Amino acid sequence: MQKIHTNSAPAAVGPYSQAIVSGGLVFTSGQIAIDPATNAVEAADIAGQTEQVMKNLGAVLEAAGSSFEKAVKTTCFLADMGDFGTFNEIYGRYFTSLPARSCVAVKTLPKNVLVEVEAIAEI
């Protein structure tokens, strides 16, 4: 196993790694809308937060030697399923290879963000 860390994505907010590479795959931790430059949630709306999540996720995938195009599975968490349409439109710009996906609504996310996304991708 190889632990992945990049300063281009927010540091873990708990006792975990940004990602782990094992068996030719990268398993990312859930990425939320923290801007790594400020260590704060900058956007208050689902569109801005989704864009930040994708930037963070892309940075972690790149640090692991992977990319959005190599994703095989994602799990997406939304604080409000009413945001699904906006989230889906932005998500689709990044995950053009159409990996398998689950998307669920949850009661609360860390730092009270609106969206979190994790991925499994080939290296």
PDB file of N, CA and C in Angstrom:
ATOM      1  N   MET A   1       0.839  -1.188   0.000  1.00  0.00           N
ATOM      2  CA  MET A   1       0.000   0.000   0.000  1.00  0.00           C
ATOM      3  C   MET A   1       0.875   1.239   0.000  1.00  0.00           C
ATOM      4  N   GLN A   2       0.410   2.237  -0.749  1.00  0.00           N
ATOM      5  CA  GLN A   2       1.107   3.527  -0.788  1.00  0.00           C
ATOM      6  C   GLN A   2       0.126   4.624  -0.395  1.00  0.00           C
ATOM      7  N   LYS A   3       0.502   5.411   0.609  1.00  0.00           N
ATOM      8  CA  LYS A   3      -0.330   6.544   1.018  1.00  0.00           C
ATOM      9  C   LYS A   3      -0.061   7.706   0.079  1.00  0.00           C
ATOM     10  N   ILE A   4      -1.115   8.412  -0.301  1.00  0.00           N
ATOM     11  CA  ILE A   4      -1.020   9.557  -1.209  1.00  0.00           C
ATOM     12  C   ILE A   4      -1.309  10.827  -0.428  1.00  0.00           C
ATOM     13  N   HIS A   5      -0.471  11.838  -0.673  1.00  0.00           N
ATOM     14  CA  HIS A   5      -0.705  13.159  -0.101  1.00  0.00           C
ATOM     15  C   HIS A   5      -0.279  14.214  -1.116  1.00  0.00           C
ATOM     16  N   THR A   6      -1.100  15.235  -1.288  1.00  0.00           N
ATOM     17  CA  THR A   6      -0.752  16.379  -2.105  1.00  0.00           C
ATOM     18  C   THR A   6      -1.194  17.650  -1.397  1.00  0.00           C
ATOM     19  N   ASN A   7      -0.393  18.677  -1.508  1.00  0.00           N
ATOM     20  CA  ASN A   7      -0.775  19.979  -0.954  1.00  0.00           C
ATOM     21  C   ASN A   7      -1.775  20.702  -1.851  1.00  0.00           C
ATOM     22  N   SER A   8      -2.062  20.136  -3.031  1.00  0.00           N
ATOM     23  CA  SER A   8      -3.031  20.733  -3.957  1.00  0.00           C
ATOM     24  C   SER A   8      -4.473  20.381  -3.601  1.00  0.00           C
ATOM     25  N   ALA A   9      -4.642  19.591  -2.557  1.00  0.00           N
ATOM     26  CA  ALA A   9      -5.966  19.248  -2.024  1.00  0.00           C
ATOM     27  C   ALA A   9      -5.892  19.441  -0.514  1.00  0.00           C
ATOM     28  N   PRO A  10      -7.043  19.636   0.130  1.00  0.00           N
ATOM     29  CA  PRO A  10      -7.014  19.862   1.573  1.00  0.00           C
ATOM     30  C   PRO A  10      -6.457  18.656   2.326  1.00  0.00           C
ATOM     31  N   ALA A  11      -5.762  18.932   3.410  1.00  0.00           N
ATOM     32  CA  ALA A  11      -5.270  17.864   4.268  1.00  0.00           C
ATOM     33  C   ALA A  11      -6.455  17.129   4.882  1.00  0.00           C
ATOM     34  N   ALA A  12      -6.225  15.888   5.235  1.00  0.00           N
ATOM     35  CA  ALA A  12      -7.276  15.109   5.886  1.00  0.00           C
ATOM     36  C   ALA A  12      -7.710  15.809   7.172  1.00  0.00           C
ATOM     37  N   VAL A  13      -9.012  15.800   7.439  1.00  0.00           N
ATOM     38  CA  VAL A  13      -9.544  16.433   8.649  1.00  0.00           C
ATOM     39  C   VAL A  13      -9.682  15.422   9.795  1.00  0.00           C
ATOM     40  N   GLY A  14      -9.051  14.272   9.626  1.00  0.00           N
ATOM     41  CA  GLY A  14      -9.088  13.229  10.641  1.00  0.00           C
ATOM     42  C   GLY A  14      -7.951  12.254  10.415  1.00  0.00           C
ATOM     43  N   PRO A  15      -7.968  11.127  11.112  1.00  0.00           N
ATOM     44  CA  PRO A  15      -6.891  10.144  11.008  1.00  0.00           C
ATOM     45  C   PRO A  15      -7.052   9.229   9.787  1.00  0.00           C
ATOM     46  N   TYR A  16      -6.831   9.784   8.606  1.00  0.00           N
ATOM     47  CA  TYR A  16      -6.916   9.024   7.359  1.00  0.00           C
ATOM     48  C   TYR A  16      -6.051   9.685   6.300  1.00  0.00           C
ATOM     49  N   SER A  17      -5.837   8.983   5.194  1.00  0.00           N
ATOM     50  CA  SER A  17      -5.041   9.484   4.074  1.00  0.00           C
ATOM     51  C   SER A  17      -5.954  10.083   3.014  1.00  0.00           C
ATOM     52  N   GLN A  18      -5.408  10.986   2.195  1.00  0.00           N
ATOM     53  CA  GLN A  18      -6.178  11.528   1.073  1.00  0.00           C
ATOM     54  C   GLN A  18      -6.544  10.409   0.104  1.00  0.00           C
ATOM     55  N   ALA A  19      -5.647   9.438  -0.038  1.00  0.00           N
ATOM     56  CA  ALA A  19      -5.900   8.287  -0.894  1.00  0.00           C
ATOM     57  C   ALA A  19      -4.896   7.202  -0.560  1.00  0.00           C
ATOM     58  N   ILE A  20      -5.218   5.990  -1.003  1.00  0.00           N
ATOM     59  CA  ILE A  20      -4.328   4.837  -0.877  1.00  0.00           C
ATOM     60  C   ILE A  20      -4.267   4.163  -2.242  1.00  0.00           C
ATOM     61  N   VAL A  21      -3.060   3.811  -2.671  1.00  0.00           N
ATOM     62  CA  VAL A  21      -2.876   3.019  -3.884  1.00  0.00           C
ATOM     63  C   VAL A  21      -2.598   1.593  -3.448  1.00  0.00           C
ATOM     64  N   SER A  22      -3.355   0.662  -4.029  1.00  0.00           N
ATOM     65  CA  SER A  22      -3.181  -0.749  -3.726  1.00  0.00           C
ATOM     66  C   SER A  22      -3.695  -1.571  -4.899  1.00  0.00           C
ATOM     67  N   GLY A  23      -2.938  -2.565  -5.305  1.00  0.00           N
ATOM     68  CA  GLY A  23      -3.391  -3.478  -6.342  1.00  0.00           C
ATOM     69  C   GLY A  23      -3.698  -2.799  -7.667  1.00  0.00           C
ATOM     70  N   GLY A  24      -2.972  -1.767  -8.010  1.00  0.00           N
ATOM     71  CA  GLY A  24      -3.188  -1.092  -9.291  1.00  0.00           C
ATOM     72  C   GLY A  24      -4.364  -0.132  -9.308  1.00  0.00           C
ATOM     73  N   LEU A  25      -4.953   0.098  -8.139  1.00  0.00           N
ATOM     74  CA  LEU A  25      -6.086   1.018  -8.030  1.00  0.00           C
ATOM     75  C   LEU A  25      -5.769   2.105  -7.007  1.00  0.00           C
ATOM     76  N   VAL A  26      -6.383   3.258  -7.169  1.00  0.00           N
ATOM     77  CA  VAL A  26      -6.326   4.307  -6.159  1.00  0.00           C
ATOM     78  C   VAL A  26      -7.717   4.425  -5.551  1.00  0.00           C
ATOM     79  N   PHE A  27      -7.760   4.463  -4.240  1.00  0.00           N
ATOM     80  CA  PHE A  27      -8.992   4.610  -3.473  1.00  0.00           C
ATOM     81  C   PHE A  27      -8.903   5.967  -2.790  1.00  0.00           C
ATOM     82  N   THR A  28      -9.694   6.935  -3.232  1.00  0.00           N
ATOM     83  CA  THR A  28      -9.626   8.256  -2.611  1.00  0.00           C
ATOM     84  C   THR A  28     -10.551   8.330  -1.416  1.00  0.00           C
ATOM     85  N   SER A  29     -10.159   9.141  -0.464  1.00  0.00           N
ATOM     86  CA  SER A  29     -11.084   9.499   0.602  1.00  0.00           C
ATOM     87  C   SER A  29     -12.067  10.502   0.025  1.00  0.00           C
ATOM     88  N   GLY A  30     -13.181  10.677   0.686  1.00  0.00           N
ATOM     89  CA  GLY A  30     -14.154  11.658   0.229  1.00  0.00           C
ATOM     90  C   GLY A  30     -13.553  13.052   0.233  1.00  0.00           C
ATOM     91  N   GLN A  31     -13.755  13.762  -0.848  1.00  0.00           N
ATOM     92  CA  GLN A  31     -13.264  15.134  -0.963  1.00  0.00           C
ATOM     93  C   GLN A  31     -14.434  16.088  -0.770  1.00  0.00           C
ATOM     94  N   ILE A  32     -14.195  17.107   0.051  1.00  0.00           N
ATOM     95  CA  ILE A  32     -15.219  18.117   0.280  1.00  0.00           C
ATOM     96  C   ILE A  32     -14.722  19.452  -0.253  1.00  0.00           C
ATOM     97  N   ALA A  33     -15.534  20.476  -0.132  1.00  0.00           N
ATOM     98  CA  ALA A  33     -15.280  21.766  -0.790  1.00  0.00           C
ATOM     99  C   ALA A  33     -14.379  22.703  -0.005  1.00  0.00           C
ATOM    100  N   ILE A  34     -13.312  22.180   0.564  1.00  0.00           N
ATOM    101  CA  ILE A  34     -12.334  23.026   1.240  1.00  0.00           C
ATOM    102  C   ILE A  34     -11.303  23.471   0.214  1.00  0.00           C
ATOM    103  N   ASP A  35     -11.061  24.760   0.152  1.00  0.00           N
ATOM    104  CA  ASP A  35     -10.017  25.298  -0.715  1.00  0.00           C
ATOM    105  C   ASP A  35      -8.686  25.080  -0.004  1.00  0.00           C
ATOM    106  N   PRO A  36      -7.748  24.322  -0.591  1.00  0.00           N
ATOM    107  CA  PRO A  36      -6.496  24.056   0.111  1.00  0.00           C
ATOM    108  C   PRO A  36      -5.651  25.312   0.344  1.00  0.00           C
ATOM    109  N   ALA A  37      -5.863  26.354  -0.429  1.00  0.00           N
ATOM    110  CA  ALA A  37      -5.096  27.596  -0.249  1.00  0.00           C
ATOM    111  C   ALA A  37      -5.498  28.338   1.022  1.00  0.00           C
ATOM    112  N   THR A  38      -6.770  28.230   1.396  1.00  0.00           N
ATOM    113  CA  THR A  38      -7.264  28.956   2.570  1.00  0.00           C
ATOM    114  C   THR A  38      -7.674  28.033   3.716  1.00  0.00           C
ATOM    115  N   ASN A  39      -7.796  26.726   3.412  1.00  0.00           N
ATOM    116  CA  ASN A  39      -8.269  25.735   4.371  1.00  0.00           C
ATOM    117  C   ASN A  39      -9.675  26.063   4.875  1.00  0.00           C
ATOM    118  N   ALA A  40     -10.474  26.649   3.989  1.00  0.00           N
ATOM    119  CA  ALA A  40     -11.845  27.018   4.347  1.00  0.00           C
ATOM    120  C   ALA A  40     -12.792  26.674   3.206  1.00  0.00           C
ATOM    121  N   VAL A  41     -14.057  26.558   3.549  1.00  0.00           N
ATOM    122  CA  VAL A  41     -15.103  26.387   2.538  1.00  0.00           C
ATOM    123  C   VAL A  41     -15.421  27.777   2.008  1.00  0.00           C
ATOM    124  N   GLU A  42     -15.129  28.010   0.730  1.00  0.00           N
ATOM    125  CA  GLU A  42     -15.278  29.345   0.149  1.00  0.00           C
ATOM    126  C   GLU A  42     -16.651  29.570  -0.487  1.00  0.00           C
ATOM    127  N   ALA A  43     -17.207  28.529  -1.112  1.00  0.00           N
ATOM    128  CA  ALA A  43     -18.479  28.670  -1.830  1.00  0.00           C
ATOM    129  C   ALA A  43     -19.638  28.231  -0.944  1.00  0.00           C
ATOM    130  N   ALA A  44     -20.743  28.961  -1.034  1.00  0.00           N
ATOM    131  CA  ALA A  44     -21.917  28.631  -0.225  1.00  0.00           C
ATOM    132  C   ALA A  44     -22.968  27.858  -1.015  1.00  0.00           C
ATOM    133  N   ASP A  45     -22.802  27.770  -2.351  1.00  0.00           N
ATOM    134  CA  ASP A  45     -23.810  27.120  -3.186  1.00  0.00           C
ATOM    135  C   ASP A  45     -23.292  25.792  -3.725  1.00  0.00           C
ATOM    136  N   ILE A  46     -24.201  24.945  -4.180  1.00  0.00           N
ATOM    137  CA  ILE A  46     -23.849  23.610  -4.659  1.00  0.00           C
ATOM    138  C   ILE A  46     -22.933  23.674  -5.882  1.00  0.00           C
ATOM    139  N   ALA A  47     -23.123  24.625  -6.776  1.00  0.00           N
ATOM    140  CA  ALA A  47     -22.280  24.716  -7.973  1.00  0.00           C
ATOM    141  C   ALA A  47     -20.831  25.018  -7.586  1.00  0.00           C
ATOM    142  N   GLY A  48     -20.616  26.017  -6.758  1.00  0.00           N
ATOM    143  CA  GLY A  48     -19.272  26.383  -6.340  1.00  0.00           C
ATOM    144  C   GLY A  48     -18.606  25.283  -5.535  1.00  0.00           C
ATOM    145  N   GLN A  49     -19.375  24.643  -4.663  1.00  0.00           N
ATOM    146  CA  GLN A  49     -18.804  23.566  -3.860  1.00  0.00           C
ATOM    147  C   GLN A  49     -18.467  22.349  -4.715  1.00  0.00           C
ATOM    148  N   THR A  50     -19.315  22.021  -5.674  1.00  0.00           N
ATOM    149  CA  THR A  50     -19.033  20.878  -6.543  1.00  0.00           C
ATOM    150  C   THR A  50     -17.773  21.128  -7.356  1.00  0.00           C
ATOM    151  N   GLU A  51     -17.605  22.337  -7.878  1.00  0.00           N
ATOM    152  CA  GLU A  51     -16.384  22.668  -8.626  1.00  0.00           C
ATOM    153  C   GLU A  51     -15.152  22.494  -7.743  1.00  0.00           C
ATOM    154  N   GLN A  52     -15.204  22.941  -6.497  1.00  0.00           N
ATOM    155  CA  GLN A  52     -14.059  22.798  -5.594  1.00  0.00           C
ATOM    156  C   GLN A  52     -13.788  21.334  -5.278  1.00  0.00           C
ATOM    157  N   VAL A  53     -14.843  20.564  -5.057  1.00  0.00           N
ATOM    158  CA  VAL A  53     -14.676  19.134  -4.806  1.00  0.00           C
ATOM    159  C   VAL A  53     -13.965  18.480  -5.985  1.00  0.00           C
ATOM    160  N   MET A  54     -14.368  18.815  -7.203  1.00  0.00           N
ATOM    161  CA  MET A  54     -13.749  18.211  -8.386  1.00  0.00           C
ATOM    162  C   MET A  54     -12.284  18.628  -8.527  1.00  0.00           C
ATOM    163  N   LYS A  55     -11.960  19.874  -8.204  1.00  0.00           N
ATOM    164  CA  LYS A  55     -10.550  20.303  -8.214  1.00  0.00           C
ATOM    165  C   LYS A  55      -9.743  19.487  -7.206  1.00  0.00           C
ATOM    166  N   ASN A  56     -10.288  19.328  -6.007  1.00  0.00           N
ATOM    167  CA  ASN A  56      -9.597  18.566  -4.969  1.00  0.00           C
ATOM    168  C   ASN A  56      -9.437  17.104  -5.370  1.00  0.00           C
ATOM    169  N   LEU A  57     -10.501  16.514  -5.881  1.00  0.00           N
ATOM    170  CA  LEU A  57     -10.462  15.116  -6.277  1.00  0.00           C
ATOM    171  C   LEU A  57      -9.477  14.917  -7.426  1.00  0.00           C
ATOM    172  N   GLY A  58      -9.484  15.822  -8.397  1.00  0.00           N
ATOM    173  CA  GLY A  58      -8.544  15.740  -9.508  1.00  0.00           C
ATOM    174  C   GLY A  58      -7.098  15.812  -9.042  1.00  0.00           C
ATOM    175  N   ALA A  59      -6.819  16.665  -8.062  1.00  0.00           N
ATOM    176  CA  ALA A  59      -5.464  16.797  -7.529  1.00  0.00           C
ATOM    177  C   ALA A  59      -5.012  15.507  -6.842  1.00  0.00           C
ATOM    178  N   VAL A  60      -5.910  14.886  -6.096  1.00  0.00           N
ATOM    179  CA  VAL A  60      -5.574  13.635  -5.416  1.00  0.00           C
ATOM    180  C   VAL A  60      -5.357  12.522  -6.438  1.00  0.00           C
ATOM    181  N   LEU A  61      -6.243  12.427  -7.426  1.00  0.00           N
ATOM    182  CA  LEU A  61      -6.071  11.415  -8.468  1.00  0.00           C
ATOM    183  C   LEU A  61      -4.740  11.605  -9.195  1.00  0.00           C
ATOM    184  N   GLU A  62      -4.420  12.839  -9.535  1.00  0.00           N
ATOM    185  CA  GLU A  62      -3.166  13.126 -10.230  1.00  0.00           C
ATOM    186  C   GLU A  62      -1.956  12.750  -9.370  1.00  0.00           C
ATOM    187  N   ALA A  63      -2.004  13.070  -8.095  1.00  0.00           N
ATOM    188  CA  ALA A  63      -0.901  12.735  -7.195  1.00  0.00           C
ATOM    189  C   ALA A  63      -0.679  11.224  -7.112  1.00  0.00           C
ATOM    190  N   ALA A  64      -1.746  10.469  -7.336  1.00  0.00           N
ATOM    191  CA  ALA A  64      -1.664   9.005  -7.299  1.00  0.00           C
ATOM    192  C   ALA A  64      -1.289   8.419  -8.658  1.00  0.00           C
ATOM    193  N   GLY A  65      -1.156   9.266  -9.682  1.00  0.00           N
ATOM    194  CA  GLY A  65      -0.836   8.778 -11.019  1.00  0.00           C
ATOM    195  C   GLY A  65      -2.046   8.352 -11.800  1.00  0.00           C
ATOM    196  N   SER A  66      -3.197   8.902 -11.475  1.00  0.00           N
ATOM    197  CA  SER A  66      -4.445   8.550 -12.141  1.00  0.00           C
ATOM    198  C   SER A  66      -5.135   9.814 -12.642  1.00  0.00           C
ATOM    199  N   SER A  67      -6.412   9.683 -12.995  1.00  0.00           N
ATOM    200  CA  SER A  67      -7.178  10.813 -13.524  1.00  0.00           C
ATOM    201  C   SER A  67      -8.672  10.487 -13.482  1.00  0.00           C
ATOM    202  N   PHE A  68      -9.479  11.495 -13.781  1.00  0.00           N
ATOM    203  CA  PHE A  68     -10.931  11.291 -13.863  1.00  0.00           C
ATOM    204  C   PHE A  68     -11.270  10.220 -14.897  1.00  0.00           C
ATOM    205  N   GLU A  69     -10.536  10.199 -16.009  1.00  0.00           N
ATOM    206  CA  GLU A  69     -10.823   9.263 -17.106  1.00  0.00           C
ATOM    207  C   GLU A  69     -10.600   7.808 -16.704  1.00  0.00           C
ATOM    208  N   LYS A  70      -9.801   7.579 -15.661  1.00  0.00           N
ATOM    209  CA  LYS A  70      -9.496   6.213 -15.227  1.00  0.00           C
ATOM    210  C   LYS A  70     -10.392   5.757 -14.072  1.00  0.00           C
ATOM    211  N   ALA A  71     -11.348   6.589 -13.686  1.00  0.00           N
ATOM    212  CA  ALA A  71     -12.254   6.232 -12.581  1.00  0.00           C
ATOM    213  C   ALA A  71     -13.145   5.070 -12.980  1.00  0.00           C
ATOM    214  N   VAL A  72     -13.303   4.126 -12.063  1.00  0.00           N
ATOM    215  CA  VAL A  72     -14.192   2.988 -12.302  1.00  0.00           C
ATOM    216  C   VAL A  72     -15.448   3.053 -11.438  1.00  0.00           C
ATOM    217  N   LYS A  73     -15.375   3.789 -10.310  1.00  0.00           N
ATOM    218  CA  LYS A  73     -16.527   3.881  -9.397  1.00  0.00           C
ATOM    219  C   LYS A  73     -16.422   5.143  -8.567  1.00  0.00           C
ATOM    220  N   THR A  74     -17.526   5.823  -8.403  1.00  0.00           N
ATOM    221  CA  THR A  74     -17.579   6.964  -7.493  1.00  0.00           C
ATOM    222  C   THR A  74     -18.746   6.783  -6.532  1.00  0.00           C
ATOM    223  N   THR A  75     -18.603   7.404  -5.387  1.00  0.00           N
ATOM    224  CA  THR A  75     -19.698   7.490  -4.431  1.00  0.00           C
ATOM    225  C   THR A  75     -19.856   8.969  -4.100  1.00  0.00           C
ATOM    226  N   CYS A  76     -21.071   9.456  -4.246  1.00  0.00           N
ATOM    227  CA  CYS A  76     -21.362  10.881  -4.091  1.00  0.00           C
ATOM    228  C   CYS A  76     -22.380  11.057  -2.971  1.00  0.00           C
ATOM    229  N   PHE A  77     -22.140  12.057  -2.148  1.00  0.00           N
ATOM    230  CA  PHE A  77     -23.006  12.350  -1.014  1.00  0.00           C
ATOM    231  C   PHE A  77     -23.496  13.787  -1.140  1.00  0.00           C
ATOM    232  N   LEU A  78     -24.799  13.978  -1.084  1.00  0.00           N
ATOM    233  CA  LEU A  78     -25.402  15.308  -1.164  1.00  0.00           C
ATOM    234  C   LEU A  78     -26.172  15.583   0.118  1.00  0.00           C
ATOM    235  N   ALA A  79     -26.063  16.802   0.621  1.00  0.00           N
ATOM    236  CA  ALA A  79     -26.833  17.192   1.799  1.00  0.00           C
ATOM    237  C   ALA A  79     -28.305  17.391   1.448  1.00  0.00           C
ATOM    238  N   ASP A  80     -28.587  17.655   0.173  1.00  0.00           N
ATOM    239  CA  ASP A  80     -29.957  17.906  -0.280  1.00  0.00           C
ATOM    240  C   ASP A  80     -30.122  17.338  -1.680  1.00  0.00           C
ATOM    241  N   MET A  81     -30.951  16.326  -1.839  1.00  0.00           N
ATOM    242  CA  MET A  81     -31.156  15.722  -3.151  1.00  0.00           C
ATOM    243  C   MET A  81     -31.779  16.709  -4.135  1.00  0.00           C
ATOM    244  N   GLY A  82     -32.289  17.818  -3.649  1.00  0.00           N
ATOM    245  CA  GLY A  82     -32.773  18.879  -4.529  1.00  0.00           C
ATOM    246  C   GLY A  82     -31.634  19.505  -5.336  1.00  0.00           C
ATOM    247  N   ASP A  83     -30.387  19.298  -4.908  1.00  0.00           N
ATOM    248  CA  ASP A  83     -29.220  19.803  -5.631  1.00  0.00           C
ATOM    249  C   ASP A  83     -28.722  18.835  -6.698  1.00  0.00           C
ATOM    250  N   PHE A  84     -29.404  17.712  -6.874  1.00  0.00           N
ATOM    251  CA  PHE A  84     -28.938  16.650  -7.767  1.00  0.00           C
ATOM    252  C   PHE A  84     -28.700  17.146  -9.195  1.00  0.00           C
ATOM    253  N   GLY A  85     -29.602  17.912  -9.744  1.00  0.00           N
ATOM    254  CA  GLY A  85     -29.479  18.378 -11.131  1.00  0.00           C
ATOM    255  C   GLY A  85     -28.224  19.216 -11.346  1.00  0.00           C
ATOM    256  N   THR A  86     -28.009  20.194 -10.491  1.00  0.00           N
ATOM    257  CA  THR A  86     -26.829  21.052 -10.605  1.00  0.00           C
ATOM    258  C   THR A  86     -25.564  20.243 -10.383  1.00  0.00           C
ATOM    259  N   PHE A  87     -25.559  19.410  -9.350  1.00  0.00           N
ATOM    260  CA  PHE A  87     -24.414  18.554  -9.087  1.00  0.00           C
ATOM    261  C   PHE A  87     -24.111  17.667 -10.290  1.00  0.00           C
ATOM    262  N   ASN A  88     -25.131  17.027 -10.821  1.00  0.00           N
ATOM    263  CA  ASN A  88     -24.971  16.082 -11.922  1.00  0.00           C
ATOM    264  C   ASN A  88     -24.370  16.760 -13.155  1.00  0.00           C
ATOM    265  N   GLU A  89     -24.800  17.974 -13.445  1.00  0.00           N
ATOM    266  CA  GLU A  89     -24.300  18.695 -14.617  1.00  0.00           C
ATOM    267  C   GLU A  89     -22.799  18.962 -14.485  1.00  0.00           C
ATOM    268  N   ILE A  90     -22.355  19.374 -13.315  1.00  0.00           N
ATOM    269  CA  ILE A  90     -20.935  19.664 -13.097  1.00  0.00           C
ATOM    270  C   ILE A  90     -20.139  18.366 -13.032  1.00  0.00           C
ATOM    271  N   TYR A  91     -20.629  17.376 -12.320  1.00  0.00           N
ATOM    272  CA  TYR A  91     -19.986  16.068 -12.228  1.00  0.00           C
ATOM    273  C   TYR A  91     -19.736  15.506 -13.628  1.00  0.00           C
ATOM    274  N   GLY A  92     -20.712  15.623 -14.495  1.00  0.00           N
ATOM    275  CA  GLY A  92     -20.609  15.076 -15.853  1.00  0.00           C
ATOM    276  C   GLY A  92     -19.515  15.711 -16.692  1.00  0.00           C
ATOM    277  N   ARG A  93     -19.141  16.945 -16.387  1.00  0.00           N
ATOM    278  CA  ARG A  93     -18.046  17.601 -17.108  1.00  0.00           C
ATOM    279  C   ARG A  93     -16.696  16.986 -16.751  1.00  0.00           C
ATOM    280  N   TYR A  94     -16.589  16.421 -15.581  1.00  0.00           N
ATOM    281  CA  TYR A  94     -15.324  15.842 -15.119  1.00  0.00           C
ATOM    282  C   TYR A  94     -15.245  14.336 -15.381  1.00  0.00           C
ATOM    283  N   PHE A  95     -16.310  13.619 -15.098  1.00  0.00           N
ATOM    284  CA  PHE A  95     -16.312  12.164 -15.257  1.00  0.00           C
ATOM    285  C   PHE A  95     -16.926  11.786 -16.614  1.00  0.00           C
ATOM    286  N   THR A  96     -16.219  12.127 -17.673  1.00  0.00           N
ATOM    287  CA  THR A  96     -16.727  11.886 -19.033  1.00  0.00           C
ATOM    288  C   THR A  96     -16.682  10.413 -19.424  1.00  0.00           C
ATOM    289  N   SER A  97     -15.910   9.606 -18.688  1.00  0.00           N
ATOM    290  CA  SER A  97     -15.827   8.174 -19.003  1.00  0.00           C
ATOM    291  C   SER A  97     -17.001   7.383 -18.412  1.00  0.00           C
ATOM    292  N   LEU A  98     -17.870   8.065 -17.672  1.00  0.00           N
ATOM    293  CA  LEU A  98     -19.081   7.476 -17.093  1.00  0.00           C
ATOM    294  C   LEU A  98     -18.816   6.259 -16.204  1.00  0.00           C
ATOM    295  N   PRO A  99     -18.048   6.435 -15.125  1.00  0.00           N
ATOM    296  CA  PRO A  99     -17.819   5.310 -14.215  1.00  0.00           C
ATOM    297  C   PRO A  99     -19.115   4.921 -13.499  1.00  0.00           C
ATOM    298  N   ALA A 100     -19.103   3.734 -12.907  1.00  0.00           N
ATOM    299  CA  ALA A 100     -20.226   3.338 -12.056  1.00  0.00           C
ATOM    300  C   ALA A 100     -20.330   4.344 -10.918  1.00  0.00           C
ATOM    301  N   ARG A 101     -21.545   4.558 -10.405  1.00  0.00           N
ATOM    302  CA  ARG A 101     -21.712   5.600  -9.390  1.00  0.00           C
ATOM    303  C   ARG A 101     -22.881   5.299  -8.477  1.00  0.00           C
ATOM    304  N   SER A 102     -22.722   5.695  -7.227  1.00  0.00           N
ATOM    305  CA  SER A 102     -23.825   5.771  -6.278  1.00  0.00           C
ATOM    306  C   SER A 102     -23.919   7.224  -5.848  1.00  0.00           C
ATOM    307  N   CYS A 103     -25.134   7.711  -5.645  1.00  0.00           N
ATOM    308  CA  CYS A 103     -25.341   9.084  -5.183  1.00  0.00           C
ATOM    309  C   CYS A 103     -26.468   9.059  -4.169  1.00  0.00           C
ATOM    310  N   VAL A 104     -26.144   9.471  -2.953  1.00  0.00           N
ATOM    311  CA  VAL A 104     -27.129   9.409  -1.879  1.00  0.00           C
ATOM    312  C   VAL A 104     -27.220  10.740  -1.150  1.00  0.00           C
ATOM    313  N   ALA A 105     -28.362  10.975  -0.551  1.00  0.00           N
ATOM    314  CA  ALA A 105     -28.542  12.143   0.312  1.00  0.00           C
ATOM    315  C   ALA A 105     -28.201  11.721   1.741  1.00  0.00           C
ATOM    316  N   VAL A 106     -27.528  12.616   2.440  1.00  0.00           N
ATOM    317  CA  VAL A 106     -27.147  12.350   3.828  1.00  0.00           C
ATOM    318  C   VAL A 106     -27.621  13.508   4.693  1.00  0.00           C
ATOM    319  N   LYS A 107     -27.716  13.260   5.975  1.00  0.00           N
ATOM    320  CA  LYS A 107     -28.212  14.295   6.877  1.00  0.00           C
ATOM    321  C   LYS A 107     -27.234  15.454   7.005  1.00  0.00           C
ATOM    322  N   THR A 108     -25.946  15.151   7.220  1.00  0.00           N
ATOM    323  CA  THR A 108     -24.932  16.180   7.429  1.00  0.00           C
ATOM    324  C   THR A 108     -23.600  15.672   6.891  1.00  0.00           C
ATOM    325  N   LEU A 109     -22.812  16.588   6.354  1.00  0.00           N
ATOM    326  CA  LEU A 109     -21.466  16.269   5.884  1.00  0.00           C
ATOM    327  C   LEU A 109     -20.450  17.058   6.707  1.00  0.00           C
ATOM    328  N   PRO A 110     -19.172  16.625   6.706  1.00  0.00           N
ATOM    329  CA  PRO A 110     -18.163  17.355   7.472  1.00  0.00           C
ATOM    330  C   PRO A 110     -18.119  18.831   7.091  1.00  0.00           C
ATOM    331  N   LYS A 111     -17.885  19.672   8.069  1.00  0.00           N
ATOM    332  CA  LYS A 111     -17.795  21.129   7.890  1.00  0.00           C
ATOM    333  C   LYS A 111     -19.088  21.716   7.317  1.00  0.00           C
ATOM    334  N   ASN A 112     -20.196  20.972   7.413  1.00  0.00           N
ATOM    335  CA  ASN A 112     -21.508  21.382   6.905  1.00  0.00           C
ATOM    336  C   ASN A 112     -21.505  21.720   5.417  1.00  0.00           C
ATOM    337  N   VAL A 113     -20.635  21.027   4.644  1.00  0.00           N
ATOM    338  CA  VAL A 113     -20.627  21.234   3.200  1.00  0.00           C
ATOM    339  C   VAL A 113     -21.851  20.592   2.577  1.00  0.00           C
ATOM    340  N   LEU A 114     -22.068  20.874   1.308  1.00  0.00           N
ATOM    341  CA  LEU A 114     -23.245  20.388   0.589  1.00  0.00           C
ATOM    342  C   LEU A 114     -22.981  19.125  -0.211  1.00  0.00           C
ATOM    343  N   VAL A 115     -21.692  18.794  -0.452  1.00  0.00           N
ATOM    344  CA  VAL A 115     -21.363  17.663  -1.329  1.00  0.00           C
ATOM    345  C   VAL A 115     -20.013  17.064  -0.938  1.00  0.00           C
ATOM    346  N   GLU A 116     -19.912  15.761  -1.110  1.00  0.00           N
ATOM    347  CA  GLU A 116     -18.666  15.018  -0.919  1.00  0.00           C
ATOM    348  C   GLU A 116     -18.610  13.931  -1.981  1.00  0.00           C
ATOM    349  N   VAL A 117     -17.426  13.708  -2.553  1.00  0.00           N
ATOM    350  CA  VAL A 117     -17.268  12.679  -3.595  1.00  0.00           C
ATOM    351  C   VAL A 117     -15.985  11.897  -3.320  1.00  0.00           C
ATOM    352  N   GLU A 118     -16.099  10.575  -3.434  1.00  0.00           N
ATOM    353  CA  GLU A 118     -14.926   9.706  -3.371  1.00  0.00           C
ATOM    354  C   GLU A 118     -14.879   8.881  -4.641  1.00  0.00           C
ATOM    355  N   ALA A 119     -13.679   8.369  -4.977  1.00  0.00           N
ATOM    356  CA  ALA A 119     -13.535   7.625  -6.220  1.00  0.00           C
ATOM    357  C   ALA A 119     -12.577   6.450  -6.062  1.00  0.00           C
ATOM    358  N   ILE A 120     -12.777   5.471  -6.914  1.00  0.00           N
ATOM    359  CA  ILE A 120     -11.841   4.377  -7.117  1.00  0.00           C
ATOM    360  C   ILE A 120     -11.441   4.454  -8.576  1.00  0.00           C
ATOM    361  N   ALA A 121     -10.141   4.446  -8.846  1.00  0.00           N
ATOM    362  CA  ALA A 121      -9.675   4.594 -10.219  1.00  0.00           C
ATOM    363  C   ALA A 121      -8.464   3.703 -10.479  1.00  0.00           C
ATOM    364  N   GLU A 122      -8.269   3.371 -11.737  1.00  0.00           N
ATOM    365  CA  GLU A 122      -7.081   2.641 -12.141  1.00  0.00           C
ATOM    366  C   GLU A 122      -5.884   3.585 -12.136  1.00  0.00           C
ATOM    367  N   ILE A 123      -4.727   3.037 -11.950  1.00  0.00           N
ATOM    368  CA  ILE A 123      -3.488   3.837 -12.023  1.00  0.00           C
ATOM    369  C   ILE A 123      -3.019   3.857 -13.470  1.00  0.00           C
TER     370      ILE A 123
END
